[in-house]
Amino acid sequence: MQTVMDYLEETLDMGVAGGFIGEHERMIIVKYLAEPAVSAQMVVRANMHAAQSRTSLIYFLLGNANEYWDKKRVAD
């Protein structure tokens, strides 16, 4: 059985391989989900529920990550 994080890793790999996102965007998402203040499992599950496709999941996560990094940059 595939875990949520396995599904995410596969989705991001497919996005990079298909040229939908670049490695830079992939790393933005991965680093965001690795942040101690972020509950990766919860974020991914919530976005998987809302997304209708892997493409939407990537868009949602990238949007979350960009918003997080923007707010963190302002706070620092």
C-alpha atoms as a PDB file:
ATOM      1  CA  MET A   1       0.000   0.000   0.000  1.00  0.00           C
ATOM      2  CA  GLN A   2       1.327   3.401  -0.998  1.00  0.00           C
ATOM      3  CA  THR A   3       1.718   5.941   1.812  1.00  0.00           C
ATOM      4  CA  VAL A   4       0.744   9.576   1.492  1.00  0.00           C
ATOM      5  CA  MET A   5       4.378  10.648   1.338  1.00  0.00           C
ATOM      6  CA  ASP A   6       5.177   7.971  -1.270  1.00  0.00           C
ATOM      7  CA  TYR A   7       2.305   9.310  -3.369  1.00  0.00           C
ATOM      8  CA  LEU A   8       3.659  12.838  -2.990  1.00  0.00           C
ATOM      9  CA  GLU A   9       7.186  11.809  -3.957  1.00  0.00           C
ATOM     10  CA  GLU A  10       5.875   9.983  -7.022  1.00  0.00           C
ATOM     11  CA  THR A  11       3.718  12.982  -7.960  1.00  0.00           C
ATOM     12  CA  LEU A  12       6.633  15.411  -7.695  1.00  0.00           C
ATOM     13  CA  ASP A  13       8.914  13.071  -9.657  1.00  0.00           C
ATOM     14  CA  MET A  14       6.290  12.802 -12.391  1.00  0.00           C
ATOM     15  CA  GLY A  15       5.891  16.588 -12.435  1.00  0.00           C
ATOM     16  CA  VAL A  16       9.625  17.103 -12.936  1.00  0.00           C
ATOM     17  CA  ALA A  17       9.970  14.269 -15.459  1.00  0.00           C
ATOM     18  CA  GLY A  18       7.051  15.612 -17.491  1.00  0.00           C
ATOM     19  CA  GLY A  19       8.376  19.156 -17.436  1.00  0.00           C
ATOM     20  CA  PHE A  20       5.360  20.438 -15.502  1.00  0.00           C
ATOM     21  CA  ILE A  21       7.609  21.785 -12.742  1.00  0.00           C
ATOM     22  CA  GLY A  22      11.336  22.187 -12.472  1.00  0.00           C
ATOM     23  CA  GLU A  23      13.661  20.775  -9.851  1.00  0.00           C
ATOM     24  CA  HIS A  24      13.680  24.198  -8.170  1.00  0.00           C
ATOM     25  CA  GLU A  25       9.896  24.118  -7.611  1.00  0.00           C
ATOM     26  CA  ARG A  26      10.131  20.533  -6.397  1.00  0.00           C
ATOM     27  CA  MET A  27      12.719  21.561  -3.810  1.00  0.00           C
ATOM     28  CA  ILE A  28      10.591  24.513  -2.675  1.00  0.00           C
ATOM     29  CA  ILE A  29       7.785  22.063  -1.869  1.00  0.00           C
ATOM     30  CA  VAL A  30      10.079  19.458  -0.264  1.00  0.00           C
ATOM     31  CA  LYS A  31      11.839  22.027   1.952  1.00  0.00           C
ATOM     32  CA  TYR A  32       8.500  23.537   2.949  1.00  0.00           C
ATOM     33  CA  LEU A  33       7.150  20.153   4.029  1.00  0.00           C
ATOM     34  CA  ALA A  34      10.357  19.471   6.002  1.00  0.00           C
ATOM     35  CA  GLU A  35       9.965  22.642   8.083  1.00  0.00           C
ATOM     36  CA  PRO A  36       9.376  21.887  11.797  1.00  0.00           C
ATOM     37  CA  ALA A  37       6.402  24.283  11.884  1.00  0.00           C
ATOM     38  CA  VAL A  38       4.672  22.407   9.049  1.00  0.00           C
ATOM     39  CA  SER A  39       2.708  19.205   9.587  1.00  0.00           C
ATOM     40  CA  ALA A  40       3.617  17.549   6.292  1.00  0.00           C
ATOM     41  CA  GLN A  41       1.183  14.647   6.575  1.00  0.00           C
ATOM     42  CA  MET A  42      -1.697  16.987   7.387  1.00  0.00           C
ATOM     43  CA  VAL A  43      -0.855  19.461   4.615  1.00  0.00           C
ATOM     44  CA  VAL A  44      -0.492  16.740   1.988  1.00  0.00           C
ATOM     45  CA  ARG A  45      -3.663  14.900   3.035  1.00  0.00           C
ATOM     46  CA  ALA A  46      -5.743  18.090   3.059  1.00  0.00           C
ATOM     47  CA  ASN A  47      -4.483  19.091  -0.372  1.00  0.00           C
ATOM     48  CA  MET A  48      -4.940  15.567  -1.754  1.00  0.00           C
ATOM     49  CA  HIS A  49      -8.556  15.749  -0.628  1.00  0.00           C
ATOM     50  CA  ALA A  50      -9.087  19.092  -2.376  1.00  0.00           C
ATOM     51  CA  ALA A  51      -7.112  18.257  -5.532  1.00  0.00           C
ATOM     52  CA  GLN A  52      -8.821  16.557  -8.425  1.00  0.00           C
ATOM     53  CA  SER A  53      -5.539  15.505 -10.010  1.00  0.00           C
ATOM     54  CA  ARG A  54      -1.813  15.238  -9.365  1.00  0.00           C
ATOM     55  CA  THR A  55      -1.380  18.480 -11.284  1.00  0.00           C
ATOM     56  CA  SER A  56      -3.760  20.268  -8.923  1.00  0.00           C
ATOM     57  CA  LEU A  57      -1.970  18.758  -5.938  1.00  0.00           C
ATOM     58  CA  ILE A  58       1.335  20.173  -7.160  1.00  0.00           C
ATOM     59  CA  TYR A  59      -0.248  23.608  -7.732  1.00  0.00           C
ATOM     60  CA  PHE A  60      -1.826  23.612  -4.273  1.00  0.00           C
ATOM     61  CA  LEU A  61       1.395  22.561  -2.532  1.00  0.00           C
ATOM     62  CA  LEU A  62       3.515  25.019  -4.481  1.00  0.00           C
ATOM     63  CA  GLY A  63       1.088  27.788  -3.574  1.00  0.00           C
ATOM     64  CA  ASN A  64       1.212  26.784   0.101  1.00  0.00           C
ATOM     65  CA  ALA A  65       5.001  26.635   0.020  1.00  0.00           C
ATOM     66  CA  ASN A  66       5.379  30.014  -1.683  1.00  0.00           C
ATOM     67  CA  GLU A  67       3.014  31.642   0.806  1.00  0.00           C
ATOM     68  CA  TYR A  68       4.897  30.066   3.725  1.00  0.00           C
ATOM     69  CA  TRP A  69       8.304  31.221   2.461  1.00  0.00           C
ATOM     70  CA  ASP A  70       6.979  34.734   1.709  1.00  0.00           C
ATOM     71  CA  LYS A  71       5.593  35.081   5.238  1.00  0.00           C
ATOM     72  CA  LYS A  72       8.745  33.654   6.767  1.00  0.00           C
ATOM     73  CA  ARG A  73      10.897  36.098   4.782  1.00  0.00           C
ATOM     74  CA  VAL A  74       8.801  39.042   6.017  1.00  0.00           C
ATOM     75  CA  ALA A  75       8.949  37.815   9.622  1.00  0.00           C
ATOM     76  CA  ASP A  76      12.743  37.455   9.541  1.00  0.00           C
END
